[in-house]
Amino acid sequence: MRLLGRSRLMTSVPWSTHTVELRSDSVIKRFRRESREESKREWRALTLLAAHAPGLAPVPRRADLAAKEPVVVMSRLPGEPLRGEPLSDQQLKALAAAASELYAAVPADVLAEVPARPGRQHHLIAQIRAWAPQARPRVSGEVGEAMDRGLEWLARSRMERVSRPDVPMVFGPGDGNLANYLWDGTRVRVVDFEDSGLSDRPFELAEITEHVASWVGPPLDVEAFPELFDLNAAERARLPECRRLLALVWLFLLSFDDPRHPRNPPGTAERQAARLSRLLT
């Protein structure tokens, strides 16, 4: 179960695409019948990474993607999730190394056949536009002010007018939750690819730096982390814009948290409002 669904969640109802059964040497993911596309993306990513970056992700064992409730079986990786613990310099560098290996893993000719991941820029912008009339009347104070500033920034930005960014395409995991990055004491490996697909490095890095898991507990060093990547000029220019967009998405998501059944500590939305305001300064 994820802490929050991404662009697909706008209510307080718990939501997950799958269940996970952990065995001694394998993991079985059983997807809901309406999550067939997620199961296909998971299997595609596992098979691609097994071929082009062996050891970085679980080994695909078998899949029944045509079942009423699709099933994907993979090897079980060693290690503990990076979420919830302060990261040492060694762990931060290992996280960057794993992400870099993942982004570069799929050869260009193969990557050209990979569909774009869900939740890309134009999808998120459309979701924000749909959320705004419902979310804005529900909030006030610093959350409302940050939401207004974010919407004003979005209207001025070029993000709505650019269909495809002029940066290199990569294979992206599609989920920035640090719980998906496992540290075994030496290296980091990656799990959870149901939202994976064609993407770009600035967008994927923003997924990590802006994910609530990167700051609601012991914070990720979101300034030092991107510096561990050799981004070109266009990617460096795009990164702050992606961070603002993802931060705005998270502000909306957190504003929907039900105070009677909160998923996050009190004041999380207000903290996110402050984070977004700093990014917009």
Protein backbone atom coordinates (compact mmCIF):
# COMPACT_ATOMS: atom_id res chain seq x y z
CA MET A 1 0.00 0.00 0.00
CA ARG A 2 1.39 3.39 -0.95
CA LEU A 3 1.22 6.31 1.45
CA LEU A 4 -0.83 8.15 -1.15
CA GLY A 5 -1.84 7.38 -4.66
CA ARG A 6 -0.38 9.86 -7.08
CA SER A 7 -2.56 11.63 -9.61
CA ARG A 8 -5.14 8.86 -9.27
CA LEU A 9 -6.12 9.68 -5.68
CA MET A 10 -8.31 12.57 -4.68
CA THR A 11 -10.33 11.17 -1.81
CA SER A 12 -9.59 9.77 1.62
CA VAL A 13 -10.41 6.18 0.56
CA PRO A 14 -7.35 3.86 0.84
CA TRP A 15 -6.21 2.87 -2.63
CA SER A 16 -3.72 0.33 -3.95
CA THR A 17 -3.18 -1.41 -7.25
CA HIS A 18 -2.02 -4.71 -5.80
CA THR A 19 -1.28 -6.96 -2.87
CA VAL A 20 2.18 -8.30 -2.12
CA GLU A 21 3.09 -11.73 -0.76
CA LEU A 22 6.66 -11.98 0.52
CA ARG A 23 8.26 -15.41 0.49
CA SER A 24 11.76 -16.39 1.51
CA ASP A 25 13.16 -16.10 -2.01
CA SER A 26 10.35 -14.58 -4.06
CA VAL A 27 7.72 -11.84 -4.16
CA ILE A 28 4.24 -12.35 -5.61
CA LYS A 29 2.33 -9.24 -6.70
CA ARG A 30 -1.36 -9.76 -7.35
CA PHE A 31 -2.93 -6.85 -9.18
CA ARG A 32 -6.53 -5.77 -9.09
CA ARG A 33 -8.51 -6.55 -12.22
CA GLU A 34 -8.65 -2.84 -13.08
CA SER A 35 -4.86 -2.58 -12.76
CA ARG A 36 -3.92 -4.75 -15.73
CA GLU A 37 -1.85 -2.00 -17.35
CA GLU A 38 0.15 -1.65 -14.14
CA SER A 39 0.95 -5.36 -14.20
CA LYS A 40 2.10 -5.11 -17.81
CA ARG A 41 4.40 -2.19 -17.00
CA GLU A 42 5.81 -4.08 -14.01
CA TRP A 43 6.60 -7.16 -16.09
CA ARG A 44 8.04 -5.15 -18.97
CA ALA A 45 10.35 -3.26 -16.63
CA LEU A 46 11.55 -6.41 -14.88
CA THR A 47 12.33 -8.16 -18.17
CA LEU A 48 14.07 -5.09 -19.63
CA LEU A 49 16.21 -4.56 -16.54
CA ALA A 50 17.07 -8.26 -16.27
CA ALA A 51 18.42 -8.04 -19.82
CA HIS A 52 20.15 -4.67 -19.65
CA ALA A 53 20.95 -4.03 -15.95
CA PRO A 54 21.11 -7.42 -14.23
CA GLY A 55 21.23 -7.17 -10.45
CA LEU A 56 19.60 -3.75 -10.23
CA ALA A 57 16.02 -5.00 -9.89
CA PRO A 58 14.25 -8.27 -9.04
CA VAL A 59 14.64 -11.13 -11.49
CA PRO A 60 11.35 -11.84 -13.29
CA ARG A 61 10.18 -15.39 -12.58
CA ARG A 62 6.75 -15.72 -14.17
CA ALA A 63 3.63 -13.72 -14.93
CA ASP A 64 0.00 -14.32 -15.77
CA LEU A 65 -1.06 -10.99 -17.21
CA ALA A 66 -4.24 -12.39 -18.73
CA ALA A 67 -5.62 -13.67 -15.44
CA LYS A 68 -8.73 -12.11 -13.95
CA GLU A 69 -6.39 -10.61 -11.36
CA PRO A 70 -2.94 -10.43 -13.01
CA VAL A 71 0.03 -11.91 -11.17
CA VAL A 72 3.73 -11.09 -11.41
CA VAL A 73 6.31 -13.22 -9.59
CA MET A 74 9.87 -12.04 -9.07
CA SER A 75 12.91 -12.76 -6.94
CA ARG A 76 13.15 -11.22 -3.49
CA LEU A 77 15.95 -8.69 -3.12
CA PRO A 78 18.08 -8.22 -0.02
CA GLY A 79 18.17 -4.90 1.79
CA GLU A 80 16.09 -2.41 3.75
CA PRO A 81 14.08 0.52 2.34
CA LEU A 82 15.82 3.89 2.45
CA ARG A 83 12.62 5.58 3.56
CA GLY A 84 12.39 6.60 7.20
CA GLU A 85 16.09 6.77 8.01
CA PRO A 86 18.69 9.55 7.65
CA LEU A 87 20.90 8.78 4.66
CA SER A 88 24.67 8.73 5.03
CA ASP A 89 26.86 10.14 2.27
CA GLN A 90 27.53 6.57 1.17
CA GLN A 91 23.82 5.79 0.94
CA LEU A 92 23.05 9.04 -0.90
CA LYS A 93 25.72 8.26 -3.48
CA ALA A 94 24.49 4.68 -3.79
CA LEU A 95 20.94 5.95 -4.34
CA ALA A 96 22.18 8.25 -7.10
CA ALA A 97 24.22 5.43 -8.64
CA ALA A 98 21.20 3.12 -8.72
CA ALA A 99 18.99 5.81 -10.24
CA SER A 100 21.64 6.66 -12.84
CA GLU A 101 22.04 3.01 -13.79
CA LEU A 102 18.29 2.64 -14.09
CA TYR A 103 17.82 5.73 -16.26
CA ALA A 104 20.60 4.64 -18.64
CA ALA A 105 19.83 0.91 -18.64
CA VAL A 106 17.61 0.52 -21.69
CA PRO A 107 19.40 0.98 -25.05
CA ALA A 108 18.06 3.74 -27.29
CA ASP A 109 16.66 1.39 -29.94
CA VAL A 110 14.77 -0.59 -27.31
CA LEU A 111 13.71 2.52 -25.40
CA ALA A 112 12.13 3.89 -28.59
CA GLU A 113 9.53 1.11 -28.34
CA VAL A 114 8.70 1.74 -24.66
CA PRO A 115 5.49 3.72 -24.06
CA ALA A 116 5.59 6.89 -21.99
CA ARG A 117 5.05 6.33 -18.30
CA PRO A 118 1.72 7.43 -16.77
CA GLY A 119 1.52 10.61 -14.74
CA ARG A 120 3.65 12.64 -17.10
CA GLN A 121 3.69 16.42 -17.18
CA HIS A 122 0.53 17.04 -19.22
CA HIS A 123 -1.41 14.44 -17.24
CA LEU A 124 -0.50 16.06 -13.94
CA ILE A 125 -1.39 19.52 -15.20
CA ALA A 126 -4.78 18.30 -16.37
CA GLN A 127 -5.33 16.67 -12.97
CA ILE A 128 -4.41 19.89 -11.15
CA ARG A 129 -6.92 21.79 -13.28
CA ALA A 130 -9.59 19.23 -12.41
CA TRP A 131 -8.74 19.29 -8.71
CA ALA A 132 -8.55 23.06 -8.25
CA PRO A 133 -12.29 23.89 -8.14
CA GLN A 134 -12.82 21.21 -5.49
CA ALA A 135 -9.66 21.62 -3.45
CA ARG A 136 -9.29 25.39 -3.20
CA PRO A 137 -12.53 26.04 -1.26
CA ARG A 138 -11.53 23.35 1.27
CA VAL A 139 -8.30 25.03 2.38
CA SER A 140 -7.23 28.34 3.85
CA GLY A 141 -4.22 30.00 5.43
CA GLU A 142 -0.77 29.08 4.17
CA VAL A 143 -2.08 26.05 2.27
CA GLY A 144 -4.54 28.16 0.29
CA GLU A 145 -1.97 30.87 -0.33
CA ALA A 146 0.61 28.37 -1.59
CA MET A 147 -2.02 26.73 -3.79
CA ASP A 148 -2.87 30.11 -5.34
CA ARG A 149 0.81 30.90 -5.92
CA GLY A 150 1.33 27.49 -7.48
CA LEU A 151 -1.61 27.89 -9.84
CA GLU A 152 -0.40 31.38 -10.80
CA TRP A 153 3.08 29.98 -11.51
CA LEU A 154 1.59 27.17 -13.60
CA ALA A 155 -0.38 29.66 -15.71
CA ARG A 156 2.80 31.65 -16.39
CA SER A 157 5.06 28.69 -16.99
CA ARG A 158 5.70 27.03 -20.34
CA MET A 159 4.87 23.60 -18.97
CA GLU A 160 1.34 23.59 -20.35
CA ARG A 161 2.56 24.63 -23.80
CA VAL A 162 5.37 22.09 -24.20
CA SER A 163 4.15 18.66 -25.31
CA ARG A 164 7.56 16.97 -25.04
CA PRO A 165 10.59 18.45 -23.27
CA ASP A 166 13.77 18.99 -25.28
CA VAL A 167 15.88 16.72 -23.08
CA PRO A 168 17.15 13.14 -23.49
CA MET A 169 14.59 10.41 -22.89
CA VAL A 170 15.36 7.70 -20.33
CA PHE A 171 13.69 4.72 -18.70
CA GLY A 172 11.93 6.01 -15.60
CA PRO A 173 10.53 4.00 -12.66
CA GLY A 174 7.66 6.46 -12.26
CA ASP A 175 7.56 6.48 -8.45
CA GLY A 176 9.87 8.50 -6.22
CA ASN A 177 9.05 6.76 -2.95
CA LEU A 178 12.31 5.99 -1.12
CA ALA A 179 10.66 2.79 0.12
CA ASN A 180 11.28 1.44 -3.39
CA TYR A 181 15.06 1.76 -3.01
CA LEU A 182 16.63 -1.04 -0.97
CA TRP A 183 20.02 -0.67 0.74
CA ASP A 184 21.94 -3.87 1.48
CA GLY A 185 24.94 -2.23 3.14
CA THR A 186 26.86 -1.97 -0.12
CA ARG A 187 24.54 -0.94 -2.91
CA VAL A 188 20.98 0.16 -3.67
CA ARG A 189 18.53 -1.86 -5.74
CA VAL A 190 15.12 -0.82 -7.04
CA VAL A 191 11.62 -2.30 -6.83
CA ASP A 192 8.09 -1.30 -7.92
CA PHE A 193 7.77 -0.51 -11.62
CA GLU A 194 4.02 -0.41 -12.20
CA ASP A 195 4.22 3.25 -13.28
CA SER A 196 7.43 2.87 -15.30
CA GLY A 197 8.07 3.89 -18.87
CA LEU A 198 9.60 6.52 -21.12
CA SER A 199 10.51 9.64 -19.16
CA ASP A 200 13.35 12.10 -18.57
CA ARG A 201 15.85 12.57 -15.77
CA PRO A 202 14.64 15.94 -14.42
CA PHE A 203 11.10 14.63 -14.07
CA GLU A 204 12.23 11.41 -12.37
CA LEU A 205 14.57 13.28 -10.02
CA ALA A 206 11.71 15.61 -9.08
CA GLU A 207 9.60 12.53 -8.36
CA ILE A 208 12.17 11.61 -5.70
CA THR A 209 12.94 15.04 -4.24
CA GLU A 210 9.29 16.08 -3.99
CA HIS A 211 7.77 12.80 -2.82
CA VAL A 212 6.35 13.12 0.68
CA ALA A 213 8.53 10.17 1.73
CA SER A 214 11.63 12.30 1.09
CA TRP A 215 10.82 14.88 3.75
CA VAL A 216 7.96 13.90 6.08
CA GLY A 217 10.46 11.86 8.13
CA PRO A 218 14.24 12.23 8.12
CA PRO A 219 14.70 14.45 5.06
CA LEU A 220 16.57 13.60 1.91
CA ASP A 221 19.18 16.22 1.03
CA VAL A 222 17.22 17.45 -1.97
CA GLU A 223 19.87 19.99 -2.95
CA ALA A 224 22.86 17.65 -2.81
CA PHE A 225 21.12 14.68 -4.42
CA PRO A 226 20.57 16.16 -7.93
CA GLU A 227 24.17 17.38 -7.94
CA LEU A 228 25.27 13.75 -8.09
CA PHE A 229 23.91 13.54 -11.66
CA ASP A 230 25.72 14.87 -14.72
CA LEU A 231 22.78 16.81 -16.12
CA ASN A 232 23.17 18.84 -19.29
CA ALA A 233 22.10 22.50 -19.51
CA ALA A 234 18.58 21.73 -20.71
CA GLU A 235 18.05 19.16 -17.96
CA ARG A 236 19.31 21.59 -15.31
CA ALA A 237 16.89 24.24 -16.56
CA ARG A 238 13.99 21.78 -16.52
CA LEU A 239 14.63 20.34 -13.04
CA PRO A 240 13.32 23.33 -10.99
CA GLU A 241 10.17 23.45 -13.12
CA CYS A 242 9.54 19.74 -12.56
CA ARG A 243 10.13 20.15 -8.84
CA ARG A 244 7.56 22.96 -8.67
CA LEU A 245 5.01 20.92 -10.60
CA LEU A 246 5.43 17.82 -8.45
CA ALA A 247 5.40 19.91 -5.27
CA LEU A 248 2.11 21.46 -6.38
CA VAL A 249 0.66 18.01 -7.08
CA TRP A 250 1.65 16.87 -3.59
CA LEU A 251 0.09 19.97 -2.04
CA PHE A 252 -3.22 19.06 -3.65
CA LEU A 253 -2.92 15.42 -2.63
CA LEU A 254 -2.15 16.33 0.97
CA SER A 255 -5.00 18.84 1.08
CA PHE A 256 -7.41 15.92 0.51
CA ASP A 257 -6.18 14.12 3.63
CA ASP A 258 -9.16 13.37 5.89
CA PRO A 259 -8.47 14.87 9.36
CA ARG A 260 -10.63 12.11 10.91
CA HIS A 261 -8.47 9.40 9.35
CA PRO A 262 -5.17 11.12 8.51
CA ARG A 263 -2.47 9.30 6.58
CA ASN A 264 0.18 11.79 7.60
CA PRO A 265 1.22 13.65 10.76
CA PRO A 266 -0.67 16.84 11.65
CA GLY A 267 0.67 19.85 9.77
CA THR A 268 1.98 17.88 6.77
CA ALA A 269 -0.02 19.96 4.28
CA GLU A 270 1.23 23.16 5.91
CA ARG A 271 4.82 21.91 5.67
CA GLN A 272 4.26 21.12 2.00
CA ALA A 273 2.86 24.61 1.47
CA ALA A 274 6.08 26.05 2.89
CA ARG A 275 8.18 23.76 0.68
CA LEU A 276 6.29 24.81 -2.44
CA SER A 277 6.56 28.49 -1.50
CA ARG A 278 10.34 28.15 -1.22
CA LEU A 279 10.52 26.51 -4.63
CA LEU A 280 8.45 29.34 -6.13
CA THR A 281 10.63 32.08 -4.64
